[in-house]
Amino acid sequence: MAVTGDETKTGNSGDLTASSSLPQEGAGAVAHRSMLIVKASIKREHRLIKNRDASRECRRKKKEYVKCLEDRLDMLENQNKTLIDELNALKDIN
């Protein structure tokens, strides 16, 4: 089909305007959407706070665990040194 000047100027080629195909949003829909966004934001903030607290607690427990291991290491090293000294003393007696 050949294109003539009349066909390009009429605008009947399937143009959709907002008023013809999409329903208009009312103030209630906008308010509802805003409320959902606010709720999602609050929910996200609570999740971030809980995550931050859980991370802090995890770091505290890890630090306590490492300190306990270091204390145990010191105790075992001292015990080992004492046993080595005792062994050397017994070897010297014989």
PDB file of N, CA and C in Angstrom:
ATOM      1  N   MET A   1       0.836  -1.172   0.000  1.00  0.00           N
ATOM      2  CA  MET A   1       0.000   0.000   0.000  1.00  0.00           C
ATOM      3  C   MET A   1       0.879   1.231   0.000  1.00  0.00           C
ATOM      4  N   ALA A   2       0.561   2.159  -0.791  1.00  0.00           N
ATOM      5  CA  ALA A   2       1.326   3.394  -0.918  1.00  0.00           C
ATOM      6  C   ALA A   2       0.905   4.373   0.161  1.00  0.00           C
ATOM      7  N   VAL A   3       1.853   5.126   0.656  1.00  0.00           N
ATOM      8  CA  VAL A   3       1.582   6.116   1.699  1.00  0.00           C
ATOM      9  C   VAL A   3       1.312   7.443   1.024  1.00  0.00           C
ATOM     10  N   THR A   4       0.176   8.016   1.378  1.00  0.00           N
ATOM     11  CA  THR A   4      -0.156   9.337   0.846  1.00  0.00           C
ATOM     12  C   THR A   4      -0.055  10.351   1.969  1.00  0.00           C
ATOM     13  N   GLY A   5      -0.091  11.569   1.681  1.00  0.00           N
ATOM     14  CA  GLY A   5      -0.011  12.628   2.675  1.00  0.00           C
ATOM     15  C   GLY A   5      -1.157  12.597   3.659  1.00  0.00           C
ATOM     16  N   ASP A   6      -2.344  12.137   3.239  1.00  0.00           N
ATOM     17  CA  ASP A   6      -3.509  12.112   4.130  1.00  0.00           C
ATOM     18  C   ASP A   6      -3.331  11.095   5.250  1.00  0.00           C
ATOM     19  N   GLU A   7      -2.714   9.971   4.982  1.00  0.00           N
ATOM     20  CA  GLU A   7      -2.577   8.923   5.981  1.00  0.00           C
ATOM     21  C   GLU A   7      -1.608   9.316   7.098  1.00  0.00           C
ATOM     22  N   THR A   8      -0.593  10.045   6.797  1.00  0.00           N
ATOM     23  CA  THR A   8       0.380  10.413   7.810  1.00  0.00           C
ATOM     24  C   THR A   8      -0.110  11.548   8.689  1.00  0.00           C
ATOM     25  N   LYS A   9      -1.059  12.360   8.199  1.00  0.00           N
ATOM     26  CA  LYS A   9      -1.516  13.507   8.974  1.00  0.00           C
ATOM     27  C   LYS A   9      -2.716  13.182   9.855  1.00  0.00           C
ATOM     28  N   THR A  10      -3.439  12.114   9.619  1.00  0.00           N
ATOM     29  CA  THR A  10      -4.660  11.844  10.377  1.00  0.00           C
ATOM     30  C   THR A  10      -4.365  11.312  11.766  1.00  0.00           C
ATOM     31  N   GLY A  11      -3.254  10.588  11.975  1.00  0.00           N
ATOM     32  CA  GLY A  11      -2.936  10.048  13.285  1.00  0.00           C
ATOM     33  C   GLY A  11      -3.758   8.822  13.619  1.00  0.00           C
ATOM     34  N   ASN A  12      -4.330   8.143  12.664  1.00  0.00           N
ATOM     35  CA  ASN A  12      -5.116   6.943  12.914  1.00  0.00           C
ATOM     36  C   ASN A  12      -4.273   5.684  12.795  1.00  0.00           C
ATOM     37  N   SER A  13      -3.036   5.758  13.074  1.00  0.00           N
ATOM     38  CA  SER A  13      -2.153   4.597  12.924  1.00  0.00           C
ATOM     39  C   SER A  13      -2.001   3.823  14.230  1.00  0.00           C
ATOM     40  N   GLY A  14      -2.967   3.885  15.131  1.00  0.00           N
ATOM     41  CA  GLY A  14      -2.908   3.109  16.370  1.00  0.00           C
ATOM     42  C   GLY A  14      -2.308   3.863  17.532  1.00  0.00           C
ATOM     43  N   ASP A  15      -2.278   5.185  17.512  1.00  0.00           N
ATOM     44  CA  ASP A  15      -1.752   5.942  18.644  1.00  0.00           C
ATOM     45  C   ASP A  15      -2.642   5.727  19.852  1.00  0.00           C
ATOM     46  N   LEU A  16      -2.007   5.494  21.007  1.00  0.00           N
ATOM     47  CA  LEU A  16      -2.752   5.333  22.249  1.00  0.00           C
ATOM     48  C   LEU A  16      -2.420   6.505  23.149  1.00  0.00           C
ATOM     49  N   THR A  17      -3.397   7.154  23.640  1.00  0.00           N
ATOM     50  CA  THR A  17      -3.173   8.231  24.587  1.00  0.00           C
ATOM     51  C   THR A  17      -3.518   7.727  25.969  1.00  0.00           C
ATOM     52  N   ALA A  18      -3.082   8.441  26.973  1.00  0.00           N
ATOM     53  CA  ALA A  18      -3.322   8.024  28.344  1.00  0.00           C
ATOM     54  C   ALA A  18      -4.814   7.951  28.641  1.00  0.00           C
ATOM     55  N   SER A  19      -5.589   8.816  28.058  1.00  0.00           N
ATOM     56  CA  SER A  19      -7.013   8.830  28.367  1.00  0.00           C
ATOM     57  C   SER A  19      -7.774   7.703  27.680  1.00  0.00           C
ATOM     58  N   SER A  20      -7.249   7.183  26.580  1.00  0.00           N
ATOM     59  CA  SER A  20      -7.998   6.165  25.862  1.00  0.00           C
ATOM     60  C   SER A  20      -7.741   4.746  26.352  1.00  0.00           C
ATOM     61  N   SER A  21      -6.546   4.444  26.879  1.00  0.00           N
ATOM     62  CA  SER A  21      -6.249   3.052  27.211  1.00  0.00           C
ATOM     63  C   SER A  21      -5.972   2.804  28.683  1.00  0.00           C
ATOM     64  N   LEU A  22      -5.541   3.790  29.438  1.00  0.00           N
ATOM     65  CA  LEU A  22      -5.173   3.574  30.829  1.00  0.00           C
ATOM     66  C   LEU A  22      -6.156   4.280  31.745  1.00  0.00           C
ATOM     67  N   PRO A  23      -6.607   3.617  32.796  1.00  0.00           N
ATOM     68  CA  PRO A  23      -7.501   4.295  33.734  1.00  0.00           C
ATOM     69  C   PRO A  23      -6.713   5.335  34.537  1.00  0.00           C
ATOM     70  N   GLN A  24      -7.353   6.404  34.880  1.00  0.00           N
ATOM     71  CA  GLN A  24      -6.715   7.459  35.652  1.00  0.00           C
ATOM     72  C   GLN A  24      -6.621   7.026  37.110  1.00  0.00           C
ATOM     73  N   GLU A  25      -5.473   7.320  37.758  1.00  0.00           N
ATOM     74  CA  GLU A  25      -5.306   6.994  39.164  1.00  0.00           C
ATOM     75  C   GLU A  25      -5.993   8.051  39.999  1.00  0.00           C
ATOM     76  N   GLY A  26      -6.721   7.624  40.991  1.00  0.00           N
ATOM     77  CA  GLY A  26      -7.356   8.547  41.903  1.00  0.00           C
ATOM     78  C   GLY A  26      -6.430   8.869  43.059  1.00  0.00           C
ATOM     79  N   ALA A  27      -6.822   9.800  43.875  1.00  0.00           N
ATOM     80  CA  ALA A  27      -6.020  10.194  45.026  1.00  0.00           C
ATOM     81  C   ALA A  27      -5.860   9.025  45.998  1.00  0.00           C
ATOM     82  N   GLY A  28      -6.873   8.169  46.084  1.00  0.00           N
ATOM     83  CA  GLY A  28      -6.795   7.014  46.985  1.00  0.00           C
ATOM     84  C   GLY A  28      -5.722   6.034  46.564  1.00  0.00           C
ATOM     85  N   ALA A  29      -5.587   5.807  45.272  1.00  0.00           N
ATOM     86  CA  ALA A  29      -4.570   4.875  44.776  1.00  0.00           C
ATOM     87  C   ALA A  29      -3.172   5.433  45.020  1.00  0.00           C
ATOM     88  N   VAL A  30      -3.023   6.737  44.828  1.00  0.00           N
ATOM     89  CA  VAL A  30      -1.714   7.364  45.058  1.00  0.00           C
ATOM     90  C   VAL A  30      -1.363   7.300  46.539  1.00  0.00           C
ATOM     91  N   ALA A  31      -2.327   7.570  47.407  1.00  0.00           N
ATOM     92  CA  ALA A  31      -2.084   7.521  48.847  1.00  0.00           C
ATOM     93  C   ALA A  31      -1.751   6.097  49.281  1.00  0.00           C
ATOM     94  N   HIS A  32      -2.460   5.128  48.715  1.00  0.00           N
ATOM     95  CA  HIS A  32      -2.207   3.722  49.050  1.00  0.00           C
ATOM     96  C   HIS A  32      -0.783   3.331  48.642  1.00  0.00           C
ATOM     97  N   ARG A  33      -0.387   3.728  47.446  1.00  0.00           N
ATOM     98  CA  ARG A  33       0.955   3.416  46.974  1.00  0.00           C
ATOM     99  C   ARG A  33       2.006   4.088  47.856  1.00  0.00           C
ATOM    100  N   SER A  34       1.761   5.325  48.246  1.00  0.00           N
ATOM    101  CA  SER A  34       2.692   6.042  49.126  1.00  0.00           C
ATOM    102  C   SER A  34       2.805   5.343  50.471  1.00  0.00           C
ATOM    103  N   MET A  35       1.663   4.870  50.996  1.00  0.00           N
ATOM    104  CA  MET A  35       1.664   4.178  52.274  1.00  0.00           C
ATOM    105  C   MET A  35       2.457   2.877  52.163  1.00  0.00           C
ATOM    106  N   LEU A  36       2.304   2.165  51.063  1.00  0.00           N
ATOM    107  CA  LEU A  36       3.058   0.920  50.874  1.00  0.00           C
ATOM    108  C   LEU A  36       4.556   1.193  50.806  1.00  0.00           C
ATOM    109  N   ILE A  37       4.929   2.272  50.152  1.00  0.00           N
ATOM    110  CA  ILE A  37       6.343   2.634  50.056  1.00  0.00           C
ATOM    111  C   ILE A  37       6.891   2.972  51.436  1.00  0.00           C
ATOM    112  N   VAL A  38       6.120   3.710  52.222  1.00  0.00           N
ATOM    113  CA  VAL A  38       6.551   4.070  53.576  1.00  0.00           C
ATOM    114  C   VAL A  38       6.684   2.815  54.435  1.00  0.00           C
ATOM    115  N   LYS A  39       5.698   1.911  54.351  1.00  0.00           N
ATOM    116  CA  LYS A  39       5.758   0.671  55.123  1.00  0.00           C
ATOM    117  C   LYS A  39       6.970  -0.156  54.737  1.00  0.00           C
ATOM    118  N   ALA A  40       7.243  -0.239  53.440  1.00  0.00           N
ATOM    119  CA  ALA A  40       8.403  -1.002  52.973  1.00  0.00           C
ATOM    120  C   ALA A  40       9.690  -0.365  53.484  1.00  0.00           C
ATOM    121  N   SER A  41       9.721   0.947  53.505  1.00  0.00           N
ATOM    122  CA  SER A  41      10.904   1.658  53.991  1.00  0.00           C
ATOM    123  C   SER A  41      11.120   1.404  55.482  1.00  0.00           C
ATOM    124  N   ILE A  42      10.037   1.460  56.246  1.00  0.00           N
ATOM    125  CA  ILE A  42      10.132   1.194  57.687  1.00  0.00           C
ATOM    126  C   ILE A  42      10.565  -0.242  57.934  1.00  0.00           C
ATOM    127  N   LYS A  43      10.000  -1.170  57.175  1.00  0.00           N
ATOM    128  CA  LYS A  43      10.357  -2.579  57.303  1.00  0.00           C
ATOM    129  C   LYS A  43      11.848  -2.785  57.003  1.00  0.00           C
ATOM    130  N   ARG A  44      12.326  -2.126  55.971  1.00  0.00           N
ATOM    131  CA  ARG A  44      13.742  -2.221  55.593  1.00  0.00           C
ATOM    132  C   ARG A  44      14.629  -1.669  56.704  1.00  0.00           C
ATOM    133  N   GLU A  45      14.243  -0.525  57.271  1.00  0.00           N
ATOM    134  CA  GLU A  45      15.019   0.076  58.361  1.00  0.00           C
ATOM    135  C   GLU A  45      15.092  -0.863  59.561  1.00  0.00           C
ATOM    136  N   HIS A  46      13.968  -1.485  59.915  1.00  0.00           N
ATOM    137  CA  HIS A  46      13.960  -2.429  61.034  1.00  0.00           C
ATOM    138  C   HIS A  46      14.874  -3.615  60.746  1.00  0.00           C
ATOM    139  N   ARG A  47      14.830  -4.107  59.515  1.00  0.00           N
ATOM    140  CA  ARG A  47      15.684  -5.230  59.132  1.00  0.00           C
ATOM    141  C   ARG A  47      17.155  -4.837  59.223  1.00  0.00           C
ATOM    142  N   LEU A  48      17.480  -3.632  58.761  1.00  0.00           N
ATOM    143  CA  LEU A  48      18.874  -3.168  58.828  1.00  0.00           C
ATOM    144  C   LEU A  48      19.341  -3.021  60.274  1.00  0.00           C
ATOM    145  N   ILE A  49      18.465  -2.504  61.128  1.00  0.00           N
ATOM    146  CA  ILE A  49      18.822  -2.352  62.540  1.00  0.00           C
ATOM    147  C   ILE A  49      19.048  -3.720  63.179  1.00  0.00           C
ATOM    148  N   LYS A  50      18.142  -4.674  62.918  1.00  0.00           N
ATOM    149  CA  LYS A  50      18.312  -6.014  63.467  1.00  0.00           C
ATOM    150  C   LYS A  50      19.597  -6.660  62.960  1.00  0.00           C
ATOM    151  N   ASN A  51      19.888  -6.468  61.684  1.00  0.00           N
ATOM    152  CA  ASN A  51      21.097  -7.040  61.103  1.00  0.00           C
ATOM    153  C   ASN A  51      22.342  -6.412  61.741  1.00  0.00           C
ATOM    154  N   ARG A  52      22.301  -5.110  61.951  1.00  0.00           N
ATOM    155  CA  ARG A  52      23.431  -4.407  62.575  1.00  0.00           C
ATOM    156  C   ARG A  52      23.658  -4.931  63.991  1.00  0.00           C
ATOM    157  N   ASP A  53      22.577  -5.098  64.749  1.00  0.00           N
ATOM    158  CA  ASP A  53      22.689  -5.619  66.119  1.00  0.00           C
ATOM    159  C   ASP A  53      23.206  -7.054  66.125  1.00  0.00           C
ATOM    160  N   ALA A  54      22.708  -7.876  65.211  1.00  0.00           N
ATOM    161  CA  ALA A  54      23.161  -9.266  65.128  1.00  0.00           C
ATOM    162  C   ALA A  54      24.643  -9.325  64.754  1.00  0.00           C
ATOM    163  N   SER A  55      25.066  -8.454  63.863  1.00  0.00           N
ATOM    164  CA  SER A  55      26.483  -8.422  63.477  1.00  0.00           C
ATOM    165  C   SER A  55      27.359  -8.005  64.649  1.00  0.00           C
ATOM    166  N   ARG A  56      26.897  -7.015  65.399  1.00  0.00           N
ATOM    167  CA  ARG A  56      27.648  -6.551  66.569  1.00  0.00           C
ATOM    168  C   ARG A  56      27.782  -7.681  67.590  1.00  0.00           C
ATOM    169  N   GLU A  57      26.686  -8.395  67.831  1.00  0.00           N
ATOM    170  CA  GLU A  57      26.703  -9.506  68.779  1.00  0.00           C
ATOM    171  C   GLU A  57      27.619 -10.628  68.295  1.00  0.00           C
ATOM    172  N   CYS A  58      27.593 -10.906  67.005  1.00  0.00           N
ATOM    173  CA  CYS A  58      28.451 -11.941  66.428  1.00  0.00           C
ATOM    174  C   CYS A  58      29.929 -11.571  66.601  1.00  0.00           C
ATOM    175  N   ARG A  59      30.262 -10.311  66.331  1.00  0.00           N
ATOM    176  CA  ARG A  59      31.649  -9.868  66.510  1.00  0.00           C
ATOM    177  C   ARG A  59      32.078  -9.952  67.971  1.00  0.00           C
ATOM    178  N   ARG A  60      31.162  -9.610  68.897  1.00  0.00           N
ATOM    179  CA  ARG A  60      31.473  -9.680  70.320  1.00  0.00           C
ATOM    180  C   ARG A  60      31.741 -11.127  70.740  1.00  0.00           C
ATOM    181  N   LYS A  61      30.894 -12.053  70.284  1.00  0.00           N
ATOM    182  CA  LYS A  61      31.076 -13.465  70.624  1.00  0.00           C
ATOM    183  C   LYS A  61      32.377 -14.012  70.048  1.00  0.00           C
ATOM    184  N   LYS A  62      32.691 -13.615  68.830  1.00  0.00           N
ATOM    185  CA  LYS A  62      33.927 -14.085  68.200  1.00  0.00           C
ATOM    186  C   LYS A  62      35.138 -13.574  68.979  1.00  0.00           C
ATOM    187  N   LYS A  63      35.092 -12.307  69.390  1.00  0.00           N
ATOM    188  CA  LYS A  63      36.189 -11.720  70.158  1.00  0.00           C
ATOM    189  C   LYS A  63      36.356 -12.459  71.490  1.00  0.00           C
ATOM    190  N   GLU A  64      35.238 -12.768  72.138  1.00  0.00           N
ATOM    191  CA  GLU A  64      35.268 -13.508  73.396  1.00  0.00           C
ATOM    192  C   GLU A  64      35.847 -14.914  73.180  1.00  0.00           C
ATOM    193  N   TYR A  65      35.454 -15.559  72.094  1.00  0.00           N
ATOM    194  CA  TYR A  65      35.946 -16.901  71.774  1.00  0.00           C
ATOM    195  C   TYR A  65      37.458 -16.886  71.533  1.00  0.00           C
ATOM    196  N   VAL A  66      37.923 -15.909  70.770  1.00  0.00           N
ATOM    197  CA  VAL A  66      39.357 -15.805  70.475  1.00  0.00           C
ATOM    198  C   VAL A  66      40.135 -15.521  71.756  1.00  0.00           C
ATOM    199  N   LYS A  67      39.604 -14.653  72.619  1.00  0.00           N
ATOM    200  CA  LYS A  67      40.259 -14.352  73.896  1.00  0.00           C
ATOM    201  C   LYS A  67      40.362 -15.608  74.745  1.00  0.00           C
ATOM    202  N   CYS A  68      39.303 -16.401  74.758  1.00  0.00           N
ATOM    203  CA  CYS A  68      39.307 -17.656  75.515  1.00  0.00           C
ATOM    204  C   CYS A  68      40.364 -18.616  74.966  1.00  0.00           C
ATOM    205  N   LEU A  69      40.462 -18.701  73.643  1.00  0.00           N
ATOM    206  CA  LEU A  69      41.486 -19.553  73.024  1.00  0.00           C
ATOM    207  C   LEU A  69      42.893 -19.069  73.356  1.00  0.00           C
ATOM    208  N   GLU A  70      43.091 -17.748  73.343  1.00  0.00           N
ATOM    209  CA  GLU A  70      44.412 -17.199  73.663  1.00  0.00           C
ATOM    210  C   GLU A  70      44.784 -17.495  75.113  1.00  0.00           C
ATOM    211  N   ASP A  71      43.801 -17.357  76.018  1.00  0.00           N
ATOM    212  CA  ASP A  71      44.061 -17.667  77.433  1.00  0.00           C
ATOM    213  C   ASP A  71      44.409 -19.142  77.603  1.00  0.00           C
ATOM    214  N   ARG A  72      43.687 -19.995  76.903  1.00  0.00           N
ATOM    215  CA  ARG A  72      43.958 -21.440  76.993  1.00  0.00           C
ATOM    216  C   ARG A  72      45.341 -21.758  76.423  1.00  0.00           C
ATOM    217  N   LEU A  73      45.701 -21.092  75.335  1.00  0.00           N
ATOM    218  CA  LEU A  73      47.024 -21.288  74.740  1.00  0.00           C
ATOM    219  C   LEU A  73      48.120 -20.908  75.735  1.00  0.00           C
ATOM    220  N   ASP A  74      47.957 -19.763  76.398  1.00  0.00           N
ATOM    221  CA  ASP A  74      48.944 -19.340  77.397  1.00  0.00           C
ATOM    222  C   ASP A  74      49.068 -20.368  78.515  1.00  0.00           C
ATOM    223  N   MET A  75      47.920 -20.859  78.998  1.00  0.00           N
ATOM    224  CA  MET A  75      47.927 -21.835  80.073  1.00  0.00           C
ATOM    225  C   MET A  75      48.636 -23.124  79.631  1.00  0.00           C
ATOM    226  N   LEU A  76      48.336 -23.607  78.432  1.00  0.00           N
ATOM    227  CA  LEU A  76      48.947 -24.841  77.941  1.00  0.00           C
ATOM    228  C   LEU A  76      50.447 -24.662  77.674  1.00  0.00           C
ATOM    229  N   GLU A  77      50.835 -23.495  77.196  1.00  0.00           N
ATOM    230  CA  GLU A  77      52.266 -23.234  76.990  1.00  0.00           C
ATOM    231  C   GLU A  77      53.012 -23.242  78.326  1.00  0.00           C
ATOM    232  N   ASN A  78      52.403 -22.625  79.352  1.00  0.00           N
ATOM    233  CA  ASN A  78      53.033 -22.627  80.684  1.00  0.00           C
ATOM    234  C   ASN A  78      53.114 -24.040  81.243  1.00  0.00           C
ATOM    235  N   GLN A  79      52.044 -24.805  81.067  1.00  0.00           N
ATOM    236  CA  GLN A  79      52.039 -26.187  81.550  1.00  0.00           C
ATOM    237  C   GLN A  79      53.084 -27.005  80.808  1.00  0.00           C
ATOM    238  N   ASN A  80      53.197 -26.813  79.512  1.00  0.00           N
ATOM    239  CA  ASN A  80      54.190 -27.530  78.713  1.00  0.00           C
ATOM    240  C   ASN A  80      55.610 -27.180  79.177  1.00  0.00           C
ATOM    241  N   LYS A  81      55.854 -25.889  79.419  1.00  0.00           N
ATOM    242  CA  LYS A  81      57.183 -25.459  79.884  1.00  0.00           C
ATOM    243  C   LYS A  81      57.505 -26.086  81.240  1.00  0.00           C
ATOM    244  N   THR A  82      56.507 -26.116  82.125  1.00  0.00           N
ATOM    245  CA  THR A  82      56.706 -26.716  83.449  1.00  0.00           C
ATOM    246  C   THR A  82      57.016 -28.203  83.327  1.00  0.00           C
ATOM    247  N   LEU A  83      56.295 -28.891  82.462  1.00  0.00           N
ATOM    248  CA  LEU A  83      56.532 -30.326  82.277  1.00  0.00           C
ATOM    249  C   LEU A  83      57.894 -30.596  81.658  1.00  0.00           C
ATOM    250  N   ILE A  84      58.321 -29.768  80.715  1.00  0.00           N
ATOM    251  CA  ILE A  84      59.651 -29.923  80.106  1.00  0.00           C
ATOM    252  C   ILE A  84      60.730 -29.710  81.161  1.00  0.00           C
ATOM    253  N   ASP A  85      60.552 -28.669  82.002  1.00  0.00           N
ATOM    254  CA  ASP A  85      61.530 -28.419  83.070  1.00  0.00           C
ATOM    255  C   ASP A  85      61.582 -29.602  84.046  1.00  0.00           C
ATOM    256  N   GLU A  86      60.413 -30.132  84.378  1.00  0.00           N
ATOM    257  CA  GLU A  86      60.357 -31.283  85.287  1.00  0.00           C
ATOM    258  C   GLU A  86      61.025 -32.501  84.653  1.00  0.00           C
ATOM    259  N   LEU A  87      60.800 -32.724  83.356  1.00  0.00           N
ATOM    260  CA  LEU A  87      61.422 -33.836  82.648  1.00  0.00           C
ATOM    261  C   LEU A  87      62.935 -33.686  82.649  1.00  0.00           C
ATOM    262  N   ASN A  88      63.421 -32.496  82.368  1.00  0.00           N
ATOM    263  CA  ASN A  88      64.879 -32.255  82.366  1.00  0.00           C
ATOM    264  C   ASN A  88      65.462 -32.464  83.745  1.00  0.00           C
ATOM    265  N   ALA A  89      64.726 -32.049  84.775  1.00  0.00           N
ATOM    266  CA  ALA A  89      65.212 -32.237  86.148  1.00  0.00           C
ATOM    267  C   ALA A  89      65.308 -33.734  86.464  1.00  0.00           C
ATOM    268  N   LEU A  90      64.331 -34.514  86.051  1.00  0.00           N
ATOM    269  CA  LEU A  90      64.363 -35.958  86.316  1.00  0.00           C
ATOM    270  C   LEU A  90      65.476 -36.638  85.534  1.00  0.00           C
ATOM    271  N   LYS A  91      65.759 -36.146  84.315  1.00  0.00           N
ATOM    272  CA  LYS A  91      66.860 -36.715  83.532  1.00  0.00           C
ATOM    273  C   LYS A  91      68.206 -36.449  84.199  1.00  0.00           C
ATOM    274  N   ASP A  92      68.335 -35.275  84.828  1.00  0.00           N
ATOM    275  CA  ASP A  92      69.583 -34.916  85.474  1.00  0.00           C
ATOM    276  C   ASP A  92      69.828 -35.752  86.736  1.00  0.00           C
ATOM    277  N   ILE A  93      68.749 -36.214  87.372  1.00  0.00           N
ATOM    278  CA  ILE A  93      68.890 -37.027  88.580  1.00  0.00           C
ATOM    279  C   ILE A  93      69.495 -38.378  88.240  1.00  0.00           C
ATOM    280  N   ASN A  94      69.107 -38.947  87.129  1.00  0.00           N
ATOM    281  CA  ASN A  94      69.604 -40.278  86.744  1.00  0.00           C
ATOM    282  C   ASN A  94      70.947 -40.140  86.182  1.00  0.00           C
TER     283      ASN A  94
END
